[in-house]
Protein backbone atom coordinates (compact mmCIF):
# COMPACT_ATOMS: atom_id res chain seq x y z
CA UNK A 1 -3.67 -15.76 -64.66
CA UNK A 2 -0.23 -14.04 -65.03
CA UNK A 3 1.15 -11.96 -67.55
CA UNK A 4 4.19 -14.32 -69.09
CA UNK A 5 6.60 -11.43 -67.71
CA UNK A 6 5.29 -11.51 -64.32
CA UNK A 7 4.73 -15.68 -64.43
CA UNK A 8 9.06 -15.91 -65.38
CA UNK A 9 9.43 -13.07 -62.69
CA UNK A 10 7.68 -15.56 -60.45
CA UNK A 11 9.25 -18.56 -61.52
CA UNK A 12 12.51 -17.01 -60.94
CA UNK A 13 12.00 -15.53 -57.11
CA UNK A 14 10.52 -19.43 -56.48
CA UNK A 15 13.53 -20.42 -56.78
CA UNK A 16 15.45 -18.64 -54.96
CA UNK A 17 14.95 -20.16 -51.50
CA UNK A 18 17.40 -21.25 -49.78
CA UNK A 19 17.62 -22.74 -45.79
CA UNK A 20 18.37 -19.94 -44.72
CA UNK A 21 15.03 -17.83 -46.48
CA UNK A 22 12.85 -20.67 -43.69
CA UNK A 23 14.82 -20.47 -40.84
CA UNK A 24 13.97 -16.25 -41.52
CA UNK A 25 10.87 -16.95 -42.12
CA UNK A 26 10.17 -19.62 -39.28
CA UNK A 27 11.96 -16.45 -36.66
CA UNK A 28 9.99 -14.05 -38.35
CA UNK A 29 6.34 -16.80 -37.22
CA UNK A 30 7.61 -17.36 -34.06
CA UNK A 31 8.27 -13.60 -33.60
CA UNK A 32 4.22 -13.10 -34.72
CA UNK A 33 3.35 -15.29 -32.47
CA UNK A 34 4.52 -13.10 -30.21
CA UNK A 35 3.09 -9.73 -30.68
CA UNK A 36 -0.12 -11.91 -31.57
CA UNK A 37 0.05 -13.12 -28.05
CA UNK A 38 0.82 -9.64 -26.69
CA UNK A 39 -0.90 -7.01 -29.02
CA UNK A 40 -3.56 -9.60 -30.94
CA UNK A 41 -4.28 -10.70 -33.75
CA UNK A 42 -5.27 -7.76 -35.62
CA UNK A 43 -1.70 -5.99 -35.01
CA UNK A 44 -0.57 -8.64 -37.51
CA UNK A 45 -3.54 -8.09 -40.40
CA UNK A 46 -3.16 -4.42 -39.90
CA UNK A 47 0.88 -4.39 -40.51
CA UNK A 48 0.52 -6.95 -43.50
CA UNK A 49 -1.91 -5.72 -44.60
CA UNK A 50 -0.53 -2.45 -44.98
CA UNK A 51 2.69 -4.16 -46.31
CA UNK A 52 1.06 -5.61 -49.24
CA UNK A 53 -0.23 -2.15 -50.06
CA UNK A 54 3.27 -0.37 -50.05
CA UNK A 55 5.53 -2.49 -50.82
CA UNK A 56 4.15 -5.45 -52.83
CA UNK A 57 0.52 -4.55 -54.09
CA UNK A 58 1.83 -2.70 -57.13
CA UNK A 59 4.16 -5.43 -58.96
CA UNK A 60 1.44 -7.59 -58.45
CA UNK A 61 -0.42 -5.12 -60.56
CA UNK A 62 -4.06 -6.94 -60.93
CA UNK A 63 -2.40 -10.04 -61.22
CA UNK A 64 -3.02 -12.81 -58.71
CA UNK A 65 -0.11 -13.86 -56.96
CA UNK A 66 1.82 -17.11 -57.04
CA UNK A 67 1.58 -18.19 -53.54
CA UNK A 68 5.45 -19.14 -52.79
CA UNK A 69 6.47 -15.41 -54.01
CA UNK A 70 3.68 -13.51 -51.96
CA UNK A 71 6.23 -15.85 -48.99
CA UNK A 72 8.69 -14.94 -50.43
CA UNK A 73 8.51 -10.82 -51.03
CA UNK A 74 6.87 -9.95 -47.34
CA UNK A 75 9.83 -12.08 -46.53
CA UNK A 76 12.41 -9.60 -48.11
CA UNK A 77 9.89 -7.03 -46.57
CA UNK A 78 10.66 -8.57 -43.19
CA UNK A 79 13.85 -8.42 -43.60
CA UNK A 80 14.12 -5.11 -44.83
CA UNK A 81 12.37 -3.83 -41.30
CA UNK A 82 14.18 -6.38 -39.17
CA UNK A 83 17.69 -4.29 -40.04
CA UNK A 84 16.02 -1.23 -39.86
CA UNK A 85 14.84 -1.90 -36.49
CA UNK A 86 18.51 -3.45 -35.82
CA UNK A 87 20.01 -0.16 -37.18
CA UNK A 88 22.15 -1.83 -38.98
CA UNK A 89 22.28 -6.16 -40.59
CA UNK A 90 20.17 -7.75 -38.17
CA UNK A 91 21.18 -10.86 -36.73
CA UNK A 92 19.46 -13.27 -38.47
CA UNK A 93 19.06 -17.29 -38.80
CA UNK A 94 18.92 -17.55 -41.73
CA UNK A 95 22.65 -15.05 -42.36
CA UNK A 96 24.13 -17.35 -39.47
CA UNK A 97 23.03 -20.96 -40.87
CA UNK A 98 24.59 -19.03 -44.24
CA UNK A 99 27.89 -18.11 -43.00
CA UNK A 100 28.57 -21.00 -40.23
CA UNK A 101 27.94 -23.19 -43.42
CA UNK A 102 30.48 -21.58 -45.34
CA UNK A 103 33.31 -21.70 -43.10
CA UNK A 104 32.26 -25.88 -41.96
CA UNK A 105 32.49 -25.83 -46.49
CA UNK A 106 36.01 -23.70 -46.14
CA UNK A 107 37.25 -25.94 -42.70
CA UNK A 108 36.86 -29.26 -44.25
CA UNK A 109 38.01 -28.64 -47.66
CA UNK A 110 41.49 -27.94 -46.43
CA UNK A 111 40.97 -30.75 -43.58
CA UNK A 112 40.44 -33.01 -46.34
CA UNK A 113 43.93 -31.69 -48.57
CA UNK A 114 46.00 -31.82 -45.76
CA UNK A 115 44.61 -35.49 -44.27
CA UNK A 116 45.01 -36.48 -47.60
CA UNK A 117 47.86 -35.61 -48.59
CA UNK A 118 49.76 -36.28 -45.07
CA UNK A 119 48.31 -40.16 -44.56
CA UNK A 120 49.20 -40.48 -48.27
CA UNK A 121 52.94 -38.96 -47.92
CA UNK A 122 53.62 -41.70 -45.13
CA UNK A 123 52.82 -44.12 -46.97
CA UNK A 124 55.32 -43.28 -49.21
CA UNK A 125 57.88 -42.92 -47.82
CA UNK A 126 61.21 -44.80 -49.09
CA UNK A 127 64.53 -44.76 -47.91
CA UNK A 128 65.57 -47.02 -51.14
CA UNK A 129 65.60 -50.24 -48.86
CA UNK A 130 62.05 -51.44 -48.42
CA UNK A 131 59.54 -50.43 -50.88
CA UNK A 132 56.19 -49.34 -50.78
CA UNK A 133 53.54 -51.96 -50.27
CA UNK A 134 51.07 -51.90 -52.19
CA UNK A 135 48.92 -54.37 -50.52
CA UNK A 136 48.30 -52.28 -47.38
CA UNK A 137 48.30 -48.71 -49.71
CA UNK A 138 45.15 -49.67 -51.87
CA UNK A 139 43.35 -51.15 -48.53
CA UNK A 140 43.76 -48.63 -47.10
CA UNK A 141 43.06 -45.91 -49.12
CA UNK A 142 40.43 -48.25 -52.03
CA UNK A 143 39.29 -50.68 -49.37
CA UNK A 144 37.93 -48.47 -46.65
CA UNK A 145 36.56 -45.87 -48.90
CA UNK A 146 35.22 -48.86 -50.87
CA UNK A 147 33.83 -50.51 -48.14
CA UNK A 148 31.95 -47.37 -46.19
CA UNK A 149 30.47 -46.40 -50.18
CA UNK A 150 29.14 -49.71 -50.20
CA UNK A 151 27.84 -49.54 -46.39
CA UNK A 152 26.15 -45.50 -47.91
CA UNK A 153 24.49 -47.68 -50.56
CA UNK A 154 23.26 -50.38 -48.92
CA UNK A 155 21.81 -48.77 -45.79
CA UNK A 156 20.22 -46.04 -49.08
CA UNK A 157 18.92 -48.78 -49.96
CA UNK A 158 17.18 -50.77 -46.86
CA UNK A 159 16.00 -47.74 -46.08
CA UNK A 160 14.28 -47.15 -50.00
CA UNK A 161 12.93 -50.23 -49.75
CA UNK A 162 11.77 -50.40 -46.51
CA UNK A 163 9.43 -47.02 -47.66
CA UNK A 164 12.30 -44.39 -44.98
CA UNK A 165 12.24 -41.77 -45.58
CA UNK A 166 15.81 -39.50 -44.94
CA UNK A 167 13.69 -38.28 -41.15
CA UNK A 168 14.79 -41.80 -40.43
CA UNK A 169 18.64 -41.94 -41.26
CA UNK A 170 21.11 -41.42 -38.33
CA UNK A 171 22.78 -38.70 -39.47
CA UNK A 172 19.74 -36.89 -40.08
CA UNK A 173 19.07 -36.91 -36.45
CA UNK A 174 22.23 -35.54 -34.76
CA UNK A 175 22.05 -32.72 -37.33
CA UNK A 176 18.42 -32.02 -35.53
CA UNK A 177 20.19 -32.48 -32.56
CA UNK A 178 23.33 -30.71 -32.50
CA UNK A 179 21.43 -27.55 -34.53
CA UNK A 180 20.77 -25.41 -32.16
CA UNK A 181 23.90 -25.95 -29.82
CA UNK A 182 26.31 -25.13 -32.37
CA UNK A 183 24.03 -22.43 -34.06
CA UNK A 184 24.18 -20.54 -30.17
CA UNK A 185 27.90 -21.82 -28.87
CA UNK A 186 29.41 -19.81 -31.73
CA UNK A 187 30.74 -17.19 -29.64
CA UNK A 188 32.07 -15.12 -33.21
CA UNK A 189 28.30 -13.95 -33.05
CA UNK A 190 27.36 -12.04 -30.28
CA UNK A 191 24.92 -14.20 -29.32
CA UNK A 192 26.63 -14.03 -25.82
CA UNK A 193 25.70 -10.28 -26.19
CA UNK A 194 22.17 -10.87 -27.24
CA UNK A 195 19.11 -10.46 -25.51
CA UNK A 196 17.53 -12.91 -23.63
CA UNK A 197 14.31 -12.99 -25.77
CA UNK A 198 15.90 -12.67 -29.26
CA UNK A 199 17.40 -15.98 -28.69
CA UNK A 200 13.91 -17.48 -27.32
CA UNK A 201 12.59 -16.65 -30.63
CA UNK A 202 16.06 -17.86 -32.58
CA UNK A 203 15.35 -21.86 -30.19
CA UNK A 204 12.35 -21.25 -31.13
CA UNK A 205 12.31 -20.67 -35.05
CA UNK A 206 14.98 -23.48 -35.09
CA UNK A 207 12.57 -25.72 -32.41
CA UNK A 208 9.52 -25.12 -35.49
CA UNK A 209 12.23 -25.59 -38.45
CA UNK A 210 12.59 -28.90 -37.05
CA UNK A 211 8.51 -30.01 -36.27
CA UNK A 212 7.74 -29.23 -39.42
CA UNK A 213 8.54 -33.46 -39.90
CA UNK A 214 8.02 -33.94 -43.62
CA UNK A 215 8.11 -30.37 -44.70
CA UNK A 216 10.95 -29.47 -43.38
CA UNK A 217 12.95 -32.67 -42.77
CA UNK A 218 14.92 -33.87 -45.68
CA UNK A 219 16.51 -30.10 -45.67
CA UNK A 220 19.47 -30.34 -43.20
CA UNK A 221 20.56 -33.43 -43.96
CA UNK A 222 21.33 -32.70 -47.74
CA UNK A 223 23.83 -30.02 -46.51
CA UNK A 224 25.47 -32.17 -44.37
CA UNK A 225 25.90 -35.05 -46.67
CA UNK A 226 27.42 -32.48 -49.23
CA UNK A 227 29.92 -31.98 -46.67
CA UNK A 228 31.14 -35.21 -46.08
CA UNK A 229 31.35 -35.88 -49.51
CA UNK A 230 33.20 -32.74 -50.55
CA UNK A 231 35.90 -34.27 -47.65
CA UNK A 232 36.26 -37.23 -49.96
CA UNK A 233 36.78 -34.95 -52.61
CA UNK A 234 38.89 -32.87 -51.21
CA UNK A 235 40.87 -36.39 -49.22
CA UNK A 236 41.03 -37.75 -52.86
CA UNK A 237 42.41 -35.01 -54.11
CA UNK A 238 45.01 -35.03 -51.71
CA UNK A 239 46.16 -38.33 -51.91
CA UNK A 240 46.79 -38.23 -55.86
CA UNK A 241 48.73 -35.21 -55.15
CA UNK A 242 50.89 -36.17 -52.87
CA UNK A 243 50.66 -39.65 -55.25
CA UNK A 244 51.84 -37.52 -57.87
CA UNK A 245 54.56 -34.80 -56.40
CA UNK A 246 56.13 -37.80 -54.92
CA UNK A 247 56.46 -39.72 -58.45
CA UNK A 248 57.92 -36.62 -59.90
CA UNK A 249 60.05 -35.71 -56.80
CA UNK A 250 61.55 -38.43 -55.81
CA UNK A 251 62.92 -42.50 -57.39
CA UNK A 252 59.72 -44.08 -56.00
CA UNK A 253 59.47 -47.90 -55.72
CA UNK A 254 56.29 -50.81 -55.64
CA UNK A 255 56.25 -53.96 -54.19
CA UNK A 256 54.10 -56.12 -52.61
CA UNK A 257 54.31 -59.07 -50.40
CA UNK A 258 52.16 -61.21 -48.68
CA UNK A 259 52.54 -64.07 -46.25
CA UNK A 260 49.28 -65.88 -47.51
CA UNK A 261 51.04 -67.64 -50.50
CA UNK A 262 49.50 -66.29 -53.68
CA UNK A 263 50.68 -66.41 -56.84
CA UNK A 264 52.23 -64.10 -59.50
CA UNK A 265 48.75 -65.06 -62.33
CA UNK A 266 46.27 -64.93 -59.31
CA UNK A 267 47.14 -61.32 -58.35
CA UNK A 268 47.94 -60.58 -62.03
CA UNK A 269 43.99 -61.55 -62.46
CA UNK A 270 42.69 -59.72 -58.95
CA UNK A 271 44.52 -56.20 -60.75
CA UNK A 272 43.24 -57.04 -64.09
CA UNK A 273 39.50 -57.58 -62.93
CA UNK A 274 39.76 -54.31 -60.82
CA UNK A 275 41.45 -52.34 -63.72
CA UNK A 276 37.89 -52.97 -66.04
CA UNK A 277 36.10 -49.58 -64.96
CA UNK A 278 39.56 -48.38 -67.16
CA UNK A 279 40.84 -50.65 -69.20
CA UNK A 280 38.84 -49.77 -71.60
CA UNK A 281 39.66 -46.54 -72.75
CA UNK A 282 43.13 -46.92 -72.35
CA UNK A 283 46.32 -49.23 -73.44
CA UNK A 284 47.61 -52.31 -70.90
CA UNK A 285 50.66 -51.27 -70.15
CA UNK A 286 49.43 -48.10 -68.53
CA UNK A 287 46.27 -49.42 -67.08
CA UNK A 288 47.79 -52.14 -64.36
CA UNK A 289 50.77 -53.79 -64.70
CA UNK A 290 51.83 -56.81 -66.22
CA UNK A 291 52.37 -60.28 -65.01
CA UNK A 292 55.98 -60.13 -66.00
CA UNK A 293 56.49 -56.51 -63.82
CA UNK A 294 54.01 -58.49 -61.16
CA UNK A 295 55.73 -60.96 -60.41
CA UNK A 296 59.34 -58.54 -60.91
CA UNK A 297 58.06 -56.55 -57.98
CA UNK A 298 57.19 -59.10 -55.26
CA UNK A 299 59.68 -58.68 -52.50
CA UNK A 300 60.63 -62.02 -50.25
CA UNK A 301 61.62 -60.79 -46.96
CA UNK A 302 64.45 -63.02 -47.08
CA UNK A 303 66.04 -61.80 -50.74
CA UNK A 304 65.74 -57.84 -50.19
CA UNK A 305 64.81 -55.78 -52.88
CA UNK A 306 68.48 -55.58 -55.17
CA UNK A 307 67.48 -58.24 -56.99
CA UNK A 308 64.41 -56.35 -58.46
CA UNK A 309 63.92 -54.18 -61.36
CA UNK A 310 62.63 -50.48 -60.76
CA UNK A 311 60.78 -50.74 -63.69
CA UNK A 312 58.62 -53.11 -61.98
CA UNK A 313 58.92 -51.34 -58.99
CA UNK A 314 57.49 -48.53 -60.55
CA UNK A 315 54.98 -49.54 -62.81
CA UNK A 316 52.24 -49.87 -60.07
CA UNK A 317 51.64 -46.19 -59.04
CA UNK A 318 49.62 -45.33 -62.85
CA UNK A 319 47.38 -48.06 -61.15
CA UNK A 320 46.96 -46.66 -57.55
CA UNK A 321 45.81 -43.20 -58.91
CA UNK A 322 43.38 -45.11 -61.27
CA UNK A 323 42.20 -46.97 -59.00
CA UNK A 324 41.65 -44.05 -56.25
CA UNK A 325 40.04 -42.11 -59.07
CA UNK A 326 37.36 -44.27 -60.70
CA UNK A 327 36.82 -46.54 -56.57
CA UNK A 328 37.17 -43.45 -54.42
CA UNK A 329 36.97 -39.92 -56.06
CA UNK A 330 34.13 -40.80 -58.94
CA UNK A 331 31.67 -41.90 -56.84
CA UNK A 332 31.90 -39.21 -54.80
CA UNK A 333 31.87 -36.82 -57.10
CA UNK A 334 28.42 -38.07 -58.34
CA UNK A 335 27.33 -38.37 -55.38
CA UNK A 336 28.19 -34.62 -54.47
CA UNK A 337 26.19 -33.92 -57.98
CA UNK A 338 22.92 -36.53 -56.46
CA UNK A 339 22.98 -34.70 -52.83
CA UNK A 340 22.40 -31.25 -54.93
CA UNK A 341 19.84 -32.76 -56.89
CA UNK A 342 18.60 -34.09 -54.08
CA UNK A 343 18.95 -30.27 -52.29
CA UNK A 344 17.05 -28.75 -54.83
CA UNK A 345 14.51 -31.32 -55.19
CA UNK A 346 13.88 -31.53 -51.10
CA UNK A 347 13.46 -27.82 -50.93
CA UNK A 348 11.13 -27.43 -54.11
CA UNK A 349 8.71 -30.66 -52.53
CA UNK A 350 8.69 -28.14 -48.93
CA UNK A 351 4.65 -26.82 -48.80
CA UNK A 352 4.00 -23.28 -48.82
CA UNK A 353 0.24 -24.74 -47.40
CA UNK A 354 0.89 -25.31 -43.69
CA UNK A 355 -0.84 -22.88 -40.69
CA UNK A 356 1.76 -20.09 -40.87
CA UNK A 357 1.55 -19.88 -44.23
CA UNK A 358 -2.45 -19.87 -45.50
CA UNK A 359 -2.59 -17.05 -42.50
CA UNK A 360 0.18 -14.62 -43.98
CA UNK A 361 -1.52 -15.29 -47.19
CA UNK A 362 -4.79 -14.24 -45.87
CA UNK A 363 -3.31 -11.51 -43.65
CA UNK A 364 -1.87 -9.88 -47.48
CA UNK A 365 -4.39 -10.49 -49.52
CA UNK A 366 -7.86 -10.14 -47.25
CA UNK A 367 -8.34 -6.70 -45.83
CA UNK A 368 -9.13 -6.41 -41.71
CA UNK A 369 -12.96 -6.48 -40.84
CA UNK A 370 -14.38 -4.45 -37.73
CA UNK A 371 -17.53 -4.87 -36.41
CA UNK A 372 -19.20 -1.82 -34.37
CA UNK A 373 -22.49 -1.53 -33.08
CA UNK A 374 -24.07 2.04 -34.27
CA UNK A 375 -24.06 3.64 -30.04
CA UNK A 376 -20.65 3.34 -30.47
CA UNK A 377 -18.15 7.21 -32.30
CA UNK A 378 -18.58 6.65 -35.49
CA UNK A 379 -15.51 8.21 -36.79
CA UNK A 380 -14.23 8.25 -40.10
CA UNK A 381 -13.64 5.07 -42.31
CA UNK A 382 -9.89 4.63 -42.72
CA UNK A 383 -9.04 4.66 -46.45
CA UNK A 384 -8.59 0.88 -47.08
CA UNK A 385 -12.01 -0.13 -46.19
CA UNK A 386 -15.78 -0.55 -46.28
CA UNK A 387 -18.83 -0.22 -44.35
CA UNK A 388 -22.26 -2.88 -44.78
CA UNK A 389 -25.00 -2.55 -42.61
CA UNK A 390 -26.72 -5.38 -42.01
CA UNK A 391 -30.43 -5.44 -40.93
CA UNK A 392 -30.04 -6.85 -37.14
CA UNK A 393 -28.16 -3.60 -36.45
CA UNK A 394 -24.65 -3.78 -36.80
CA UNK A 395 -22.63 -1.94 -38.95
CA UNK A 396 -18.95 -3.84 -40.31
CA UNK A 397 -16.60 -2.52 -41.56
CA UNK A 398 -14.81 -4.27 -44.00
CA UNK A 399 -11.59 -3.36 -45.20
CA UNK A 400 -10.59 -3.07 -49.17
CA UNK A 401 -7.92 -2.53 -51.75
CA UNK A 402 -8.11 0.90 -52.44
CA UNK A 403 -9.63 1.44 -55.93
CA UNK A 404 -12.54 3.78 -58.10
CA UNK A 405 -14.90 1.47 -57.92
CA UNK A 406 -16.33 0.14 -54.65
CA UNK A 407 -15.54 -3.21 -54.36
CA UNK A 408 -18.30 -5.73 -53.40
CA UNK A 409 -18.66 -7.79 -49.84
CA UNK A 410 -17.89 -10.87 -51.71
CA UNK A 411 -14.00 -9.83 -52.98
CA UNK A 412 -13.56 -8.44 -49.35
CA UNK A 413 -13.57 -12.65 -47.80
CA UNK A 414 -12.72 -14.10 -50.81
CA UNK A 415 -11.36 -17.35 -49.45
CA UNK A 416 -7.60 -17.31 -50.19
CA UNK A 417 -6.87 -20.94 -48.38
CA UNK A 418 -9.55 -22.54 -50.36
CA UNK A 419 -12.40 -24.44 -48.58
CA UNK A 420 -12.91 -26.55 -45.53
CA UNK A 421 -14.79 -29.24 -43.54
CA UNK A 422 -17.08 -27.74 -40.67
CA UNK A 423 -16.77 -30.39 -37.82
CA UNK A 424 -19.67 -28.75 -35.75
CA UNK A 425 -20.58 -30.54 -32.53
CA UNK A 426 -24.25 -31.53 -31.40
CA UNK A 427 -25.11 -29.12 -28.41
CA UNK A 428 -23.97 -26.13 -31.39
CA UNK A 429 -24.76 -27.84 -34.71
CA UNK A 430 -28.74 -26.65 -34.92
CA UNK A 431 -28.24 -22.71 -33.90
CA UNK A 432 -24.79 -22.53 -35.90
CA UNK A 433 -25.79 -20.23 -39.05
CA UNK A 434 -24.19 -21.97 -41.78
CA UNK A 435 -23.95 -18.48 -43.86
CA UNK A 436 -22.97 -17.12 -40.86
CA UNK A 437 -19.75 -19.34 -40.09
CA UNK A 438 -19.19 -19.12 -43.51
CA UNK A 439 -18.45 -15.60 -43.55
CA UNK A 440 -16.29 -15.11 -40.08
CA UNK A 441 -14.62 -18.31 -41.33
CA UNK A 442 -13.33 -16.25 -44.02
CA UNK A 443 -12.96 -13.45 -41.72
CA UNK A 444 -10.76 -15.12 -39.58
CA UNK A 445 -8.74 -17.86 -41.51
CA UNK A 446 -9.60 -17.10 -45.46
CA UNK A 447 -11.46 -20.52 -46.11
CA UNK A 448 -14.65 -20.82 -47.47
CA UNK A 449 -17.35 -23.67 -46.11
CA UNK A 450 -17.47 -26.84 -47.96
CA UNK A 451 -19.86 -28.58 -45.71
CA UNK A 452 -20.49 -28.68 -42.36
CA UNK A 453 -20.98 -32.01 -40.45
CA UNK A 454 -22.56 -32.99 -37.07
CA UNK A 455 -20.30 -34.74 -34.77
CA UNK A 456 -21.11 -36.44 -31.25
CA UNK A 457 -20.98 -34.16 -28.60
CA UNK A 458 -18.67 -36.73 -26.59
CA UNK A 459 -16.83 -37.77 -28.94
CA UNK A 460 -16.58 -41.15 -27.18
CA UNK A 461 -17.19 -42.68 -30.76
CA UNK A 462 -15.09 -41.23 -33.81
CA UNK A 463 -15.00 -44.12 -36.37
CA UNK A 464 -17.91 -42.80 -38.51
CA UNK A 465 -16.25 -39.63 -38.87
CA UNK A 466 -13.11 -41.03 -39.57
CA UNK A 467 -14.67 -43.65 -42.10
CA UNK A 468 -15.70 -40.32 -43.61
CA UNK A 469 -12.89 -38.91 -43.65
CA UNK A 470 -11.65 -41.38 -46.20
CA UNK A 471 -10.19 -44.34 -44.01
CA UNK A 472 -6.60 -43.47 -43.17
CA UNK A 473 -6.60 -41.81 -46.72
CA UNK A 474 -4.48 -38.98 -46.82
CA UNK A 475 -5.52 -37.21 -49.70
CA UNK A 476 -8.54 -38.05 -49.09
CA UNK A 477 -8.89 -35.38 -46.39
CA UNK A 478 -9.41 -31.46 -46.60
CA UNK A 479 -8.20 -29.38 -44.10
CA UNK A 480 -11.02 -28.79 -41.55
CA UNK A 481 -12.02 -26.36 -38.75
CA UNK A 482 -13.62 -27.97 -35.48
CA UNK A 483 -16.03 -25.01 -33.53
CA UNK A 484 -15.84 -25.87 -30.57
CA UNK A 485 -16.83 -23.02 -27.24
CA UNK A 486 -13.70 -21.67 -25.12
CA UNK A 487 -15.62 -21.04 -21.59
CA UNK A 488 -15.43 -25.00 -21.41
CA UNK A 489 -12.18 -26.16 -22.05
CA UNK A 490 -10.82 -29.57 -23.56
CA UNK A 491 -11.67 -32.81 -21.86
CA UNK A 492 -9.54 -35.81 -22.62
CA UNK A 493 -12.25 -36.53 -25.65
CA UNK A 494 -11.74 -33.91 -27.66
CA UNK A 495 -7.91 -34.06 -27.36
CA UNK A 496 -8.23 -37.77 -28.63
CA UNK A 497 -10.24 -36.78 -31.65
CA UNK A 498 -7.39 -34.00 -32.24
CA UNK A 499 -5.03 -36.45 -32.38
CA UNK A 500 -6.91 -39.23 -34.07
CA UNK A 501 -7.23 -36.86 -36.66
CA UNK A 502 -4.00 -35.84 -37.48
CA UNK A 503 -3.41 -39.84 -37.75
CA UNK A 504 -6.75 -40.61 -40.70
CA UNK A 505 -5.41 -37.26 -42.34
CA UNK A 506 -1.99 -36.34 -43.67
CA UNK A 507 0.62 -35.21 -41.18
CA UNK A 508 -0.38 -31.73 -43.20
CA UNK A 509 -3.80 -30.83 -43.38
CA UNK A 510 -4.73 -27.85 -41.72
CA UNK A 511 -6.70 -28.86 -38.82
CA UNK A 512 -8.53 -25.62 -37.49
CA UNK A 513 -10.08 -26.00 -33.83
CA UNK A 514 -12.08 -22.72 -33.99
CA UNK A 515 -13.42 -21.25 -30.32
CA UNK A 516 -15.98 -19.24 -29.99
CA UNK A 517 -17.28 -17.65 -26.32
CA UNK A 518 -20.58 -18.32 -24.04
CA UNK A 519 -23.72 -17.89 -26.67
CA UNK A 520 -25.78 -14.89 -26.48
CA UNK A 521 -29.66 -15.27 -27.09
CA UNK A 522 -29.21 -13.79 -30.64
CA UNK A 523 -25.75 -15.67 -31.81
CA UNK A 524 -23.37 -18.26 -30.89
CA UNK A 525 -20.85 -15.79 -31.82
CA UNK A 526 -19.90 -14.20 -29.46
CA UNK A 527 -15.67 -13.21 -28.78
CA UNK A 528 -13.21 -15.17 -27.12
CA UNK A 529 -11.54 -14.36 -23.82
CA UNK A 530 -7.72 -13.92 -23.80
CA UNK A 531 -7.47 -16.29 -20.34
CA UNK A 532 -10.07 -18.72 -22.00
CA UNK A 533 -7.89 -18.96 -25.51
CA UNK A 534 -4.97 -19.41 -23.52
CA UNK A 535 -5.95 -22.16 -21.49
CA UNK A 536 -6.86 -24.56 -24.93
CA UNK A 537 -3.43 -23.23 -26.67
CA UNK A 538 -1.84 -24.63 -23.45
CA UNK A 539 -4.10 -28.16 -22.84
CA UNK A 540 -2.97 -28.62 -26.82
CA UNK A 541 0.54 -28.07 -26.65
CA UNK A 542 1.19 -31.50 -25.51
CA UNK A 543 0.02 -33.29 -28.68
CA UNK A 544 3.18 -31.12 -30.41
CA UNK A 545 0.88 -30.91 -34.07
CA UNK A 546 2.44 -27.90 -36.04
CA UNK A 547 -0.49 -28.35 -38.80
CA UNK A 548 -2.97 -27.49 -36.02
CA UNK A 549 -4.36 -24.45 -34.88
CA UNK A 550 -6.45 -22.62 -32.01
CA UNK A 551 -7.96 -19.62 -32.92
CA UNK A 552 -10.64 -17.53 -31.78
CA UNK A 553 -13.47 -17.20 -35.03
CA UNK A 554 -14.23 -14.10 -33.80
CA UNK A 555 -11.70 -11.19 -33.41
CA UNK A 556 -11.75 -9.50 -29.86
CA UNK A 557 -12.79 -5.64 -29.97
């Protein structure tokens, strides 16, 4: 358990997660994937384990670190390393997003105020001959906005009733499709001079965020939603400001007319109904014009306005201001608050137990393991490793946190990511030693093996397996490991099985295809060649599953 002070600190750190953080996190994951392809997984393990021991371990103080805090702390360290590598403040996707969003925030506010004030001023133009038409003003500035708000709420209720999430929103689809082009077409950020490799990593990071499904899918909806609400708020402030300025600086006259033969009594009743949201708080004379004032401000084309009283013509502006406030500005303010809450909830629901997160935590908390035989040169083990000599003549070198007391091997191979279910094909099941499989699984992926299940060799009938996994109930589906021989390329039935497993399990369930090389007489678990690993990853890539991991079970020495 964490101490109260550390728990509070971790909680505060968790509240710091913002959209720029996730963009940078995915960017670094893309970088790490490229590094692993070029230099191997051992390069990542060495770097992240050293980073943990040098910068994070002291802050943990022997307690079990919170997963979200640990990942956030790693992100801070990687940003610092990137800044040092770039000779200053590195250009990262998160920084670009933050600056662009701030730019749009200011731009939307200015344009909305200018648009609202300009349109209202044009409607309020009064030459002394023709009063401002209340009907046209109300329909344009109140009616149209109210219709738009009703349509927005109706669409939201429809999605909720149908069980659709925000990813079904056309608005969100447009944001996702335009996000990449938006970031890379802004010349002021110097992207034209960026080397091609970094541009590709930027693109891959943004694509990874979009591909995360429900984990990331909604977080880009709320910033755009808030921008639209900000536009509506600023627009209505511009309209109200224009009305108040015109009323204070000019002798403004309002009147109403209609080709339809509407009686003054009908208009008075309609006005009173529209004024219900505020009439209980203000006096009747302030809330809306009286029947006499409505009758006195009615314009008849052939009679002109010279017979109309000035007090009647000026009685409409408080009603118009209050209508804009209650029907336009106040709903926008409420939607803005709701959007802020929705954004926070969307960020809070993001899972930190996906493939990349699990592997990162595993690399940070689990020391590196090396295997060598007795005939290899016996160089001194690093300060962070110990050697365990089994009976079969192999020497295993297992890294552990530096401590005065020698830790146990169980502590070295702790399953930081929990327990998974191992699916082993018929031809491998009898030769697959459970203890060995679990040991290698803990070393490679940070999982313990809860159970091994034999699956059909040809994958022709997976109904029993899918039934075992919960008949489509995602909550009953644990993380899965499928043991495969890498020297045999994936067949169509295997790819279909992966698709069926994804449909049966939750979209965020971690599915690992653990590859082994050609078996030897003494063991099934052998290293995988680079070419075989490349073929497997190439064949499974079209599945487009962000939570599917294809990795060797043993690290190549």
